[in-house]
Amino acid sequence: MKILITAPYHQKAQDELTGWLGEVIYRPWKLQERAYTETELMHLVQATEANALITEHDEVTAAFMAACPNLRFIGVCRGTPSNVAVAVATEKGIPVFNTPARNAQAVAELFIANLITLMRNTLAAIRWLEGENWAAGAHTSYLQFKGNELAGKTIGMVGFGAVGQTIANLVRHFPARIQYYDPYYTADDLYYEKTDLETVFRTSDVVSIHLPVNEQTKGLIDRQLLNLMKPDAIFVNTARAVVVNREDLLDVLENRKIRGAILDVFDHEPPDELDYKLIHRADVLATPHIAGATFEVEDHHADIMNQALRAFFLEDKKAIRQLVNPAVLEAKKS
């Protein structure tokens, strides 16, 4: 097998694949600081005679698969393989693998950092200090920027997958109370309380969104839910922007119905005028989609992908979590 890797992939993981499956051709997209286009990716696969692909951001389209018909598998170093025409891959009998939870620790750590930053009024205090406002003998900063502790607060998760669970496992030790809404998570947890969506919004001090994008979740978080929140509650979205009605969120903030918001994702990236209305608000802590941006995430996704490929191709374990399109197994039988 010849595996073209365009995702960042550490050397040890490359060496493992060489030993297990065959030749590795490493052409990471970061060298050109952008993803490969459809045509560029076609030419790269054809020129290298690769028959397997591990990508991250490149668009793996139906046209690409038609031009490269000999692919044994497609690996996507992302939690959601939204850049791959998965249905087409399934029709062609190509297994698609992803790397769920690759950025769970990264997102969890930034969630905690930004939440504490907002609750403690840290950014405003830094600006005050840099503005040379500290008068002799004054206790202005102590009074003006007094904030709140995370300990003792109730954190409500909307969606309780890998990221939500990683956050919960960290913040419960502050200690904080964790409650969540997720109709698909059925485990019995000693430390976390499952409840309904309205209760999460009505009773939480912090509401954090961890939803995938699908027809059921688009625009799910709207005015009706946001208006249930406590006046001193904080809204956090490090998942996907389209699951939240941004006009409704802006309205809630403008009318000071909640304390503030922490946002890492936006309807348009780069942001449009309405996104910037949210970003420029003093009660919003906004970051440019960097919650999962750590160097370690690249190590995690290579390790998760290798585990999946080893299980599938060497150990003949087909029912693995990282197989995005299990229907391909039935297609191969027929």
C-alpha atoms as a PDB file:
ATOM      1  CA  MET A   1       0.000   0.000   0.000  1.00  0.00           C
ATOM      2  CA  LYS A   2       1.185   3.553  -0.767  1.00  0.00           C
ATOM      3  CA  ILE A   3      -0.216   6.071   1.711  1.00  0.00           C
ATOM      4  CA  LEU A   4      -0.208   9.776   0.870  1.00  0.00           C
ATOM      5  CA  ILE A   5      -0.364  11.841   4.064  1.00  0.00           C
ATOM      6  CA  THR A   6      -1.267  15.517   3.715  1.00  0.00           C
ATOM      7  CA  ALA A   7      -2.205  15.953   7.388  1.00  0.00           C
ATOM      8  CA  PRO A   8       0.472  16.905   9.939  1.00  0.00           C
ATOM      9  CA  TYR A   9       1.826  13.534  11.119  1.00  0.00           C
ATOM     10  CA  HIS A  10       4.716  12.940  13.493  1.00  0.00           C
ATOM     11  CA  GLN A  11       7.633  10.758  12.428  1.00  0.00           C
ATOM     12  CA  LYS A  12       6.961   7.885  14.819  1.00  0.00           C
ATOM     13  CA  ALA A  13       3.426   7.513  13.468  1.00  0.00           C
ATOM     14  CA  GLN A  14       4.753   7.594   9.894  1.00  0.00           C
ATOM     15  CA  ASP A  15       7.269   4.892  10.742  1.00  0.00           C
ATOM     16  CA  GLU A  16       4.549   2.724  12.282  1.00  0.00           C
ATOM     17  CA  LEU A  17       2.450   2.925   9.115  1.00  0.00           C
ATOM     18  CA  THR A  18       5.479   2.059   6.997  1.00  0.00           C
ATOM     19  CA  GLY A  19       6.052  -1.039   9.081  1.00  0.00           C
ATOM     20  CA  TRP A  20       2.406  -2.082   9.072  1.00  0.00           C
ATOM     21  CA  LEU A  21       1.013  -1.159   5.675  1.00  0.00           C
ATOM     22  CA  GLY A  22       3.694  -0.043   3.233  1.00  0.00           C
ATOM     23  CA  GLU A  23       5.205   3.144   1.841  1.00  0.00           C
ATOM     24  CA  VAL A  24       4.372   6.568   3.279  1.00  0.00           C
ATOM     25  CA  ILE A  25       4.551   9.709   1.143  1.00  0.00           C
ATOM     26  CA  TYR A  26       4.431  12.806   3.363  1.00  0.00           C
ATOM     27  CA  ARG A  27       3.234  16.079   1.822  1.00  0.00           C
ATOM     28  CA  PRO A  28       1.666  18.078   4.685  1.00  0.00           C
ATOM     29  CA  TRP A  29      -0.609  20.954   3.706  1.00  0.00           C
ATOM     30  CA  LYS A  30       1.110  23.222   6.237  1.00  0.00           C
ATOM     31  CA  LEU A  31       4.146  23.556   3.967  1.00  0.00           C
ATOM     32  CA  GLN A  32       2.031  25.700   1.636  1.00  0.00           C
ATOM     33  CA  GLU A  33      -0.066  27.164   4.486  1.00  0.00           C
ATOM     34  CA  ARG A  34      -3.361  26.099   2.912  1.00  0.00           C
ATOM     35  CA  ALA A  35      -5.236  22.942   2.059  1.00  0.00           C
ATOM     36  CA  TYR A  36      -4.722  21.306  -1.314  1.00  0.00           C
ATOM     37  CA  THR A  37      -7.362  22.090  -3.896  1.00  0.00           C
ATOM     38  CA  GLU A  38      -9.363  19.298  -5.487  1.00  0.00           C
ATOM     39  CA  THR A  39      -7.181  19.418  -8.615  1.00  0.00           C
ATOM     40  CA  GLU A  40      -3.923  19.625  -6.662  1.00  0.00           C
ATOM     41  CA  LEU A  41      -4.901  16.622  -4.564  1.00  0.00           C
ATOM     42  CA  MET A  42      -5.834  14.623  -7.677  1.00  0.00           C
ATOM     43  CA  HIS A  43      -2.471  15.387  -9.292  1.00  0.00           C
ATOM     44  CA  LEU A  44      -0.591  14.566  -6.089  1.00  0.00           C
ATOM     45  CA  VAL A  45      -2.251  11.155  -5.720  1.00  0.00           C
ATOM     46  CA  GLN A  46      -1.732  10.362  -9.396  1.00  0.00           C
ATOM     47  CA  ALA A  47       1.889  11.528  -9.427  1.00  0.00           C
ATOM     48  CA  THR A  48       2.807   9.516  -6.336  1.00  0.00           C
ATOM     49  CA  GLU A  49       0.670   6.518  -7.357  1.00  0.00           C
ATOM     50  CA  ALA A  50      -0.779   6.505  -3.854  1.00  0.00           C
ATOM     51  CA  ASN A  51      -3.700   4.193  -3.174  1.00  0.00           C
ATOM     52  CA  ALA A  52      -4.580   5.500   0.287  1.00  0.00           C
ATOM     53  CA  LEU A  53      -4.967   9.008   1.706  1.00  0.00           C
ATOM     54  CA  ILE A  54      -4.721  10.573   5.146  1.00  0.00           C
ATOM     55  CA  THR A  55      -5.897  14.187   5.038  1.00  0.00           C
ATOM     56  CA  GLU A  56      -6.974  16.947   7.394  1.00  0.00           C
ATOM     57  CA  HIS A  57      -8.447  19.948   5.577  1.00  0.00           C
ATOM     58  CA  ASP A  58      -8.263  19.058   1.864  1.00  0.00           C
ATOM     59  CA  GLU A  59     -11.572  18.731   0.001  1.00  0.00           C
ATOM     60  CA  VAL A  60     -11.985  15.053  -0.865  1.00  0.00           C
ATOM     61  CA  THR A  61     -14.815  15.322  -3.368  1.00  0.00           C
ATOM     62  CA  ALA A  62     -16.767  12.963  -5.602  1.00  0.00           C
ATOM     63  CA  ALA A  63     -14.745  14.241  -8.566  1.00  0.00           C
ATOM     64  CA  PHE A  64     -11.504  13.521  -6.732  1.00  0.00           C
ATOM     65  CA  MET A  65     -12.606   9.948  -5.992  1.00  0.00           C
ATOM     66  CA  ALA A  66     -13.647   9.442  -9.609  1.00  0.00           C
ATOM     67  CA  ALA A  67     -10.180  10.561 -10.720  1.00  0.00           C
ATOM     68  CA  CYS A  68      -8.468   8.360  -8.109  1.00  0.00           C
ATOM     69  CA  PRO A  69     -10.460   5.098  -8.222  1.00  0.00           C
ATOM     70  CA  ASN A  70      -7.932   2.831  -6.481  1.00  0.00           C
ATOM     71  CA  LEU A  71      -8.093   4.266  -2.966  1.00  0.00           C
ATOM     72  CA  ARG A  72      -8.010   1.569  -0.280  1.00  0.00           C
ATOM     73  CA  PHE A  73      -9.033   3.991   2.467  1.00  0.00           C
ATOM     74  CA  ILE A  74      -9.397   7.669   3.351  1.00  0.00           C
ATOM     75  CA  GLY A  75      -8.289   8.880   6.767  1.00  0.00           C
ATOM     76  CA  VAL A  76      -9.514  12.267   8.005  1.00  0.00           C
ATOM     77  CA  CYS A  77      -7.620  13.781  10.935  1.00  0.00           C
ATOM     78  CA  ARG A  78     -10.678  15.586  12.271  1.00  0.00           C
ATOM     79  CA  GLY A  79     -13.549  14.777  14.568  1.00  0.00           C
ATOM     80  CA  THR A  80     -16.121  15.473  11.845  1.00  0.00           C
ATOM     81  CA  PRO A  81     -15.119  14.471   8.283  1.00  0.00           C
ATOM     82  CA  SER A  82     -17.111  17.321   6.727  1.00  0.00           C
ATOM     83  CA  ASN A  83     -14.502  17.816   3.981  1.00  0.00           C
ATOM     84  CA  VAL A  84     -15.026  14.301   2.592  1.00  0.00           C
ATOM     85  CA  ALA A  85     -17.863  13.065   0.368  1.00  0.00           C
ATOM     86  CA  VAL A  86     -18.507  10.141   2.697  1.00  0.00           C
ATOM     87  CA  ALA A  87     -21.597   8.868   0.876  1.00  0.00           C
ATOM     88  CA  VAL A  88     -19.644   8.660  -2.382  1.00  0.00           C
ATOM     89  CA  ALA A  89     -16.792   6.853  -0.623  1.00  0.00           C
ATOM     90  CA  THR A  90     -19.279   4.335   0.736  1.00  0.00           C
ATOM     91  CA  GLU A  91     -20.730   3.728  -2.727  1.00  0.00           C
ATOM     92  CA  LYS A  92     -17.225   3.085  -4.023  1.00  0.00           C
ATOM     93  CA  GLY A  93     -16.404   0.730  -1.137  1.00  0.00           C
ATOM     94  CA  ILE A  94     -13.796   3.041   0.417  1.00  0.00           C
ATOM     95  CA  PRO A  95     -13.629   2.997   4.239  1.00  0.00           C
ATOM     96  CA  VAL A  96     -13.375   6.461   5.793  1.00  0.00           C
ATOM     97  CA  PHE A  97     -11.736   6.866   9.201  1.00  0.00           C
ATOM     98  CA  ASN A  98     -11.753   9.905  11.493  1.00  0.00           C
ATOM     99  CA  THR A  99     -10.064  10.909  14.745  1.00  0.00           C
ATOM    100  CA  PRO A 100     -12.758  11.619  17.343  1.00  0.00           C
ATOM    101  CA  ALA A 101     -11.624  13.396  20.496  1.00  0.00           C
ATOM    102  CA  ARG A 102      -8.296  14.483  19.003  1.00  0.00           C
ATOM    103  CA  ASN A 103      -8.789  18.005  20.391  1.00  0.00           C
ATOM    104  CA  ALA A 104     -10.821  17.222  23.520  1.00  0.00           C
ATOM    105  CA  GLN A 105      -8.052  18.166  25.967  1.00  0.00           C
ATOM    106  CA  ALA A 106      -7.159  21.314  24.027  1.00  0.00           C
ATOM    107  CA  VAL A 107     -10.761  22.540  23.948  1.00  0.00           C
ATOM    108  CA  ALA A 108     -11.273  21.677  27.605  1.00  0.00           C
ATOM    109  CA  GLU A 109      -8.215  23.648  28.709  1.00  0.00           C
ATOM    110  CA  LEU A 110      -9.165  26.756  26.722  1.00  0.00           C
ATOM    111  CA  PHE A 111     -12.733  26.476  28.025  1.00  0.00           C
ATOM    112  CA  ILE A 112     -11.420  26.645  31.593  1.00  0.00           C
ATOM    113  CA  ALA A 113      -8.897  29.400  30.814  1.00  0.00           C
ATOM    114  CA  ASN A 114     -11.434  31.633  29.075  1.00  0.00           C
ATOM    115  CA  LEU A 115     -14.192  30.973  31.581  1.00  0.00           C
ATOM    116  CA  ILE A 116     -11.986  31.975  34.498  1.00  0.00           C
ATOM    117  CA  THR A 117     -10.699  34.981  32.518  1.00  0.00           C
ATOM    118  CA  LEU A 118     -14.263  36.224  31.982  1.00  0.00           C
ATOM    119  CA  MET A 119     -15.456  35.436  35.496  1.00  0.00           C
ATOM    120  CA  ARG A 120     -12.475  37.235  37.055  1.00  0.00           C
ATOM    121  CA  ASN A 121     -12.677  40.296  34.733  1.00  0.00           C
ATOM    122  CA  THR A 122      -9.036  39.668  33.854  1.00  0.00           C
ATOM    123  CA  LEU A 123      -8.925  41.358  30.440  1.00  0.00           C
ATOM    124  CA  ALA A 124     -10.526  44.565  31.696  1.00  0.00           C
ATOM    125  CA  ALA A 125      -8.113  44.598  34.636  1.00  0.00           C
ATOM    126  CA  ILE A 126      -5.123  44.185  32.315  1.00  0.00           C
ATOM    127  CA  ARG A 127      -6.322  47.048  30.111  1.00  0.00           C
ATOM    128  CA  TRP A 128      -6.795  49.212  33.223  1.00  0.00           C
ATOM    129  CA  LEU A 129      -3.262  48.402  34.378  1.00  0.00           C
ATOM    130  CA  GLU A 130      -1.726  49.020  30.954  1.00  0.00           C
ATOM    131  CA  GLY A 131      -3.566  52.351  30.888  1.00  0.00           C
ATOM    132  CA  GLU A 132      -1.518  53.419  33.947  1.00  0.00           C
ATOM    133  CA  ASN A 133      -4.631  54.000  36.041  1.00  0.00           C
ATOM    134  CA  TRP A 134      -3.145  52.736  39.321  1.00  0.00           C
ATOM    135  CA  ALA A 135      -3.188  55.740  41.675  1.00  0.00           C
ATOM    136  CA  ALA A 136      -1.115  55.842  44.856  1.00  0.00           C
ATOM    137  CA  GLY A 137      -2.855  54.338  47.834  1.00  0.00           C
ATOM    138  CA  ALA A 138      -6.008  53.457  45.871  1.00  0.00           C
ATOM    139  CA  HIS A 139      -7.841  50.127  46.036  1.00  0.00           C
ATOM    140  CA  THR A 140      -9.710  50.793  42.789  1.00  0.00           C
ATOM    141  CA  SER A 141      -8.576  47.607  41.058  1.00  0.00           C
ATOM    142  CA  TYR A 142      -9.510  45.409  44.027  1.00  0.00           C
ATOM    143  CA  LEU A 143     -13.014  46.835  44.055  1.00  0.00           C
ATOM    144  CA  GLN A 144     -13.622  47.388  40.343  1.00  0.00           C
ATOM    145  CA  PHE A 145     -12.415  44.025  39.053  1.00  0.00           C
ATOM    146  CA  LYS A 146     -13.573  41.698  41.782  1.00  0.00           C
ATOM    147  CA  GLY A 147     -14.923  38.579  40.095  1.00  0.00           C
ATOM    148  CA  ASN A 148     -16.266  35.131  40.822  1.00  0.00           C
ATOM    149  CA  GLU A 149     -14.783  31.707  41.455  1.00  0.00           C
ATOM    150  CA  LEU A 150     -15.565  28.696  39.310  1.00  0.00           C
ATOM    151  CA  ALA A 151     -15.801  26.549  42.430  1.00  0.00           C
ATOM    152  CA  GLY A 152     -19.361  25.886  43.495  1.00  0.00           C
ATOM    153  CA  LYS A 153     -20.917  26.770  40.144  1.00  0.00           C
ATOM    154  CA  THR A 154     -23.223  24.561  38.083  1.00  0.00           C
ATOM    155  CA  ILE A 155     -21.896  23.832  34.599  1.00  0.00           C
ATOM    156  CA  GLY A 156     -24.509  22.730  32.064  1.00  0.00           C
ATOM    157  CA  MET A 157     -23.398  20.845  28.960  1.00  0.00           C
ATOM    158  CA  VAL A 158     -25.521  20.699  25.821  1.00  0.00           C
ATOM    159  CA  GLY A 159     -24.061  17.598  24.211  1.00  0.00           C
ATOM    160  CA  PHE A 160     -21.916  15.267  26.286  1.00  0.00           C
ATOM    161  CA  GLY A 161     -19.431  13.698  23.905  1.00  0.00           C
ATOM    162  CA  ALA A 162     -15.665  13.533  24.266  1.00  0.00           C
ATOM    163  CA  VAL A 163     -15.127  17.288  24.708  1.00  0.00           C
ATOM    164  CA  GLY A 164     -17.969  17.727  27.183  1.00  0.00           C
ATOM    165  CA  GLN A 165     -16.827  14.754  29.219  1.00  0.00           C
ATOM    166  CA  THR A 166     -13.214  15.944  29.262  1.00  0.00           C
ATOM    167  CA  ILE A 167     -14.302  19.383  30.496  1.00  0.00           C
ATOM    168  CA  ALA A 168     -16.565  17.787  33.099  1.00  0.00           C
ATOM    169  CA  ASN A 169     -13.797  15.558  34.408  1.00  0.00           C
ATOM    170  CA  LEU A 170     -11.571  18.606  34.910  1.00  0.00           C
ATOM    171  CA  VAL A 171     -14.000  21.161  36.328  1.00  0.00           C
ATOM    172  CA  ARG A 172     -15.705  18.794  38.776  1.00  0.00           C
ATOM    173  CA  HIS A 173     -12.518  18.933  40.848  1.00  0.00           C
ATOM    174  CA  PHE A 174     -12.754  22.708  41.428  1.00  0.00           C
ATOM    175  CA  PRO A 175     -15.347  21.512  42.599  1.00  0.00           C
ATOM    176  CA  ALA A 176     -18.241  22.313  40.279  1.00  0.00           C
ATOM    177  CA  ARG A 177     -21.561  20.563  39.722  1.00  0.00           C
ATOM    178  CA  ILE A 178     -22.028  19.086  36.225  1.00  0.00           C
ATOM    179  CA  GLN A 179     -25.341  18.546  34.507  1.00  0.00           C
ATOM    180  CA  TYR A 180     -25.903  17.746  30.851  1.00  0.00           C
ATOM    181  CA  TYR A 181     -28.409  17.217  28.082  1.00  0.00           C
ATOM    182  CA  ASP A 182     -27.582  14.506  25.544  1.00  0.00           C
ATOM    183  CA  PRO A 183     -30.236  12.058  24.333  1.00  0.00           C
ATOM    184  CA  TYR A 184     -27.541   9.777  22.892  1.00  0.00           C
ATOM    185  CA  TYR A 185     -25.360   9.447  25.990  1.00  0.00           C
ATOM    186  CA  THR A 186     -26.785   6.762  28.243  1.00  0.00           C
ATOM    187  CA  ALA A 187     -24.008   5.886  30.698  1.00  0.00           C
ATOM    188  CA  ASP A 188     -24.737   6.069  34.412  1.00  0.00           C
ATOM    189  CA  ASP A 189     -22.280   8.551  35.941  1.00  0.00           C
ATOM    190  CA  LEU A 190     -21.671   9.070  39.618  1.00  0.00           C
ATOM    191  CA  TYR A 191     -20.533  12.678  39.198  1.00  0.00           C
ATOM    192  CA  TYR A 192     -22.726  13.995  36.359  1.00  0.00           C
ATOM    193  CA  GLU A 193     -26.484  14.488  36.224  1.00  0.00           C
ATOM    194  CA  LYS A 194     -28.473  13.911  33.037  1.00  0.00           C
ATOM    195  CA  THR A 195     -31.412  16.266  32.583  1.00  0.00           C
ATOM    196  CA  ASP A 196     -33.515  17.968  29.920  1.00  0.00           C
ATOM    197  CA  LEU A 197     -32.485  20.869  27.702  1.00  0.00           C
ATOM    198  CA  GLU A 198     -34.664  23.499  29.384  1.00  0.00           C
ATOM    199  CA  THR A 199     -33.337  22.591  32.837  1.00  0.00           C
ATOM    200  CA  VAL A 200     -29.753  23.003  31.643  1.00  0.00           C
ATOM    201  CA  PHE A 201     -30.502  26.557  30.465  1.00  0.00           C
ATOM    202  CA  ARG A 202     -32.694  27.506  33.422  1.00  0.00           C
ATOM    203  CA  THR A 203     -30.494  26.284  36.286  1.00  0.00           C
ATOM    204  CA  SER A 204     -26.868  26.435  35.103  1.00  0.00           C
ATOM    205  CA  ASP A 205     -24.394  29.187  35.929  1.00  0.00           C
ATOM    206  CA  VAL A 206     -22.528  28.308  32.744  1.00  0.00           C
ATOM    207  CA  VAL A 207     -24.137  26.791  29.636  1.00  0.00           C
ATOM    208  CA  SER A 208     -21.609  25.219  27.279  1.00  0.00           C
ATOM    209  CA  ILE A 209     -22.462  23.987  23.782  1.00  0.00           C
ATOM    210  CA  HIS A 210     -20.918  20.756  22.451  1.00  0.00           C
ATOM    211  CA  LEU A 211     -23.190  19.792  19.574  1.00  0.00           C
ATOM    212  CA  PRO A 212     -22.412  18.391  16.138  1.00  0.00           C
ATOM    213  CA  VAL A 213     -24.007  19.985  13.082  1.00  0.00           C
ATOM    214  CA  ASN A 214     -26.976  18.131  11.626  1.00  0.00           C
ATOM    215  CA  GLU A 215     -30.551  18.896  10.627  1.00  0.00           C
ATOM    216  CA  GLN A 216     -31.720  18.505  14.229  1.00  0.00           C
ATOM    217  CA  THR A 217     -29.111  20.831  15.756  1.00  0.00           C
ATOM    218  CA  LYS A 218     -28.962  23.730  13.270  1.00  0.00           C
ATOM    219  CA  GLY A 219     -30.422  26.764  15.051  1.00  0.00           C
ATOM    220  CA  LEU A 220     -31.439  24.629  18.032  1.00  0.00           C
ATOM    221  CA  ILE A 221     -30.157  27.179  20.536  1.00  0.00           C
ATOM    222  CA  ASP A 222     -32.582  30.055  20.093  1.00  0.00           C
ATOM    223  CA  ARG A 223     -34.254  32.939  21.910  1.00  0.00           C
ATOM    224  CA  GLN A 224     -36.613  30.632  23.776  1.00  0.00           C
ATOM    225  CA  LEU A 225     -33.753  28.716  25.407  1.00  0.00           C
ATOM    226  CA  LEU A 226     -31.421  31.686  25.877  1.00  0.00           C
ATOM    227  CA  ASN A 227     -34.151  33.641  27.685  1.00  0.00           C
ATOM    228  CA  LEU A 228     -34.327  30.857  30.281  1.00  0.00           C
ATOM    229  CA  MET A 229     -30.796  31.584  31.475  1.00  0.00           C
ATOM    230  CA  LYS A 230     -30.000  33.241  34.789  1.00  0.00           C
ATOM    231  CA  PRO A 231     -29.137  36.969  34.629  1.00  0.00           C
ATOM    232  CA  ASP A 232     -25.600  36.236  35.843  1.00  0.00           C
ATOM    233  CA  ALA A 233     -25.078  33.143  33.670  1.00  0.00           C
ATOM    234  CA  ILE A 234     -22.420  32.761  30.981  1.00  0.00           C
ATOM    235  CA  PHE A 235     -22.990  31.209  27.560  1.00  0.00           C
ATOM    236  CA  VAL A 236     -20.100  29.316  25.908  1.00  0.00           C
ATOM    237  CA  ASN A 237     -19.825  27.973  22.370  1.00  0.00           C
ATOM    238  CA  THR A 238     -16.636  26.208  21.292  1.00  0.00           C
ATOM    239  CA  ALA A 239     -18.474  23.735  19.033  1.00  0.00           C
ATOM    240  CA  ARG A 240     -20.206  24.986  15.866  1.00  0.00           C
ATOM    241  CA  ALA A 241     -21.716  28.420  15.277  1.00  0.00           C
ATOM    242  CA  VAL A 242     -24.716  27.296  13.226  1.00  0.00           C
ATOM    243  CA  VAL A 243     -26.278  25.434  16.151  1.00  0.00           C
ATOM    244  CA  VAL A 244     -26.907  28.840  17.760  1.00  0.00           C
ATOM    245  CA  ASN A 245     -29.177  31.571  16.384  1.00  0.00           C
ATOM    246  CA  ARG A 246     -26.690  34.451  16.542  1.00  0.00           C
ATOM    247  CA  GLU A 247     -29.370  37.146  16.241  1.00  0.00           C
ATOM    248  CA  ASP A 248     -31.063  35.741  19.322  1.00  0.00           C
ATOM    249  CA  LEU A 249     -27.761  35.541  21.206  1.00  0.00           C
ATOM    250  CA  LEU A 250     -26.950  39.154  20.325  1.00  0.00           C
ATOM    251  CA  ASP A 251     -30.400  40.248  21.463  1.00  0.00           C
ATOM    252  CA  VAL A 252     -29.988  38.512  24.825  1.00  0.00           C
ATOM    253  CA  LEU A 253     -26.615  40.176  25.328  1.00  0.00           C
ATOM    254  CA  GLU A 254     -27.756  43.633  24.204  1.00  0.00           C
ATOM    255  CA  ASN A 255     -30.665  43.470  26.641  1.00  0.00           C
ATOM    256  CA  ARG A 256     -28.294  42.326  29.418  1.00  0.00           C
ATOM    257  CA  LYS A 257     -30.337  39.210  30.135  1.00  0.00           C
ATOM    258  CA  ILE A 258     -27.145  37.211  30.809  1.00  0.00           C
ATOM    259  CA  ARG A 259     -23.721  38.131  32.139  1.00  0.00           C
ATOM    260  CA  GLY A 260     -21.775  37.396  28.966  1.00  0.00           C
ATOM    261  CA  ALA A 261     -20.616  34.916  26.374  1.00  0.00           C
ATOM    262  CA  ILE A 262     -17.448  33.086  25.363  1.00  0.00           C
ATOM    263  CA  LEU A 263     -17.292  32.345  21.635  1.00  0.00           C
ATOM    264  CA  ASP A 264     -14.692  30.546  19.566  1.00  0.00           C
ATOM    265  CA  VAL A 265     -16.815  29.911  16.450  1.00  0.00           C
ATOM    266  CA  PHE A 266     -18.779  32.214  14.171  1.00  0.00           C
ATOM    267  CA  ASP A 267     -21.332  31.892  11.388  1.00  0.00           C
ATOM    268  CA  HIS A 268     -18.819  33.351   8.946  1.00  0.00           C
ATOM    269  CA  GLU A 269     -15.073  32.836   9.171  1.00  0.00           C
ATOM    270  CA  PRO A 270     -13.737  35.422   8.502  1.00  0.00           C
ATOM    271  CA  PRO A 271     -16.536  37.165  10.418  1.00  0.00           C
ATOM    272  CA  ASP A 272     -19.181  39.349   8.826  1.00  0.00           C
ATOM    273  CA  GLU A 273     -20.668  42.537  10.297  1.00  0.00           C
ATOM    274  CA  LEU A 274     -23.079  40.742  12.603  1.00  0.00           C
ATOM    275  CA  ASP A 275     -20.373  38.405  13.871  1.00  0.00           C
ATOM    276  CA  TYR A 276     -18.243  41.442  14.666  1.00  0.00           C
ATOM    277  CA  LYS A 277     -21.111  42.970  16.642  1.00  0.00           C
ATOM    278  CA  LEU A 278     -20.807  39.986  18.964  1.00  0.00           C
ATOM    279  CA  ILE A 279     -16.998  39.961  18.932  1.00  0.00           C
ATOM    280  CA  HIS A 280     -16.622  43.647  19.866  1.00  0.00           C
ATOM    281  CA  ARG A 281     -18.928  43.519  22.854  1.00  0.00           C
ATOM    282  CA  ALA A 282     -17.295  44.081  26.249  1.00  0.00           C
ATOM    283  CA  ASP A 283     -19.270  41.173  27.715  1.00  0.00           C
ATOM    284  CA  VAL A 284     -18.039  38.740  25.067  1.00  0.00           C
ATOM    285  CA  LEU A 285     -14.679  36.980  25.171  1.00  0.00           C
ATOM    286  CA  ALA A 286     -14.075  35.950  21.563  1.00  0.00           C
ATOM    287  CA  THR A 287     -11.243  33.861  20.113  1.00  0.00           C
ATOM    288  CA  PRO A 288     -10.630  33.077  16.400  1.00  0.00           C
ATOM    289  CA  HIS A 289     -11.545  29.367  16.292  1.00  0.00           C
ATOM    290  CA  ILE A 290      -8.449  28.278  18.226  1.00  0.00           C
ATOM    291  CA  ALA A 291      -9.946  26.072  20.945  1.00  0.00           C
ATOM    292  CA  GLY A 292      -8.474  22.989  19.282  1.00  0.00           C
ATOM    293  CA  ALA A 293      -5.278  24.642  18.088  1.00  0.00           C
ATOM    294  CA  THR A 294      -2.421  23.020  19.988  1.00  0.00           C
ATOM    295  CA  PHE A 295       0.672  21.281  18.723  1.00  0.00           C
ATOM    296  CA  GLU A 296      -0.323  18.254  20.778  1.00  0.00           C
ATOM    297  CA  VAL A 297      -3.576  17.844  18.820  1.00  0.00           C
ATOM    298  CA  GLU A 298      -1.520  16.883  15.773  1.00  0.00           C
ATOM    299  CA  ASP A 299       0.175  14.156  17.810  1.00  0.00           C
ATOM    300  CA  HIS A 300      -3.180  12.975  19.118  1.00  0.00           C
ATOM    301  CA  HIS A 301      -4.771  12.686  15.686  1.00  0.00           C
ATOM    302  CA  ALA A 302      -1.837  10.710  14.273  1.00  0.00           C
ATOM    303  CA  ASP A 303      -1.974   8.283  17.193  1.00  0.00           C
ATOM    304  CA  ILE A 304      -5.764   7.885  16.991  1.00  0.00           C
ATOM    305  CA  MET A 305      -5.612   7.308  13.225  1.00  0.00           C
ATOM    306  CA  ASN A 306      -2.844   4.738  13.572  1.00  0.00           C
ATOM    307  CA  GLN A 307      -4.790   2.863  16.233  1.00  0.00           C
ATOM    308  CA  ALA A 308      -7.772   2.707  13.897  1.00  0.00           C
ATOM    309  CA  LEU A 309      -5.780   1.558  10.878  1.00  0.00           C
ATOM    310  CA  ARG A 310      -3.930  -1.072  12.877  1.00  0.00           C
ATOM    311  CA  ALA A 311      -7.197  -2.429  14.287  1.00  0.00           C
ATOM    312  CA  PHE A 312      -8.942  -2.465  10.908  1.00  0.00           C
ATOM    313  CA  PHE A 313      -6.221  -3.754   8.597  1.00  0.00           C
ATOM    314  CA  LEU A 314      -3.927  -5.794  10.861  1.00  0.00           C
ATOM    315  CA  GLU A 315      -6.252  -7.067  13.583  1.00  0.00           C
ATOM    316  CA  ASP A 316      -9.365  -7.404  11.379  1.00  0.00           C
ATOM    317  CA  LYS A 317     -11.472  -5.438  13.864  1.00  0.00           C
ATOM    318  CA  LYS A 318     -14.156  -3.807  11.763  1.00  0.00           C
ATOM    319  CA  ALA A 319     -16.562  -2.504  14.415  1.00  0.00           C
ATOM    320  CA  ILE A 320     -14.377   0.399  15.500  1.00  0.00           C
ATOM    321  CA  ARG A 321     -15.469   3.859  16.546  1.00  0.00           C
ATOM    322  CA  GLN A 322     -13.224   5.613  14.038  1.00  0.00           C
ATOM    323  CA  LEU A 323     -14.898   4.001  11.004  1.00  0.00           C
ATOM    324  CA  VAL A 324     -17.173   6.784   9.771  1.00  0.00           C
ATOM    325  CA  ASN A 325     -19.065   4.714   7.218  1.00  0.00           C
ATOM    326  CA  PRO A 326     -19.680   1.212   8.617  1.00  0.00           C
ATOM    327  CA  ALA A 327     -22.148   0.661   5.753  1.00  0.00           C
ATOM    328  CA  VAL A 328     -19.068   0.195   3.564  1.00  0.00           C
ATOM    329  CA  LEU A 329     -18.597  -3.226   5.159  1.00  0.00           C
ATOM    330  CA  GLU A 330     -21.921  -4.416   3.762  1.00  0.00           C
ATOM    331  CA  ALA A 331     -21.112  -2.874   0.395  1.00  0.00           C
ATOM    332  CA  LYS A 332     -17.869  -4.854   0.284  1.00  0.00           C
ATOM    333  CA  LYS A 333     -19.719  -8.121   1.013  1.00  0.00           C
ATOM    334  CA  SER A 334     -22.221  -7.671  -1.801  1.00  0.00           C
END
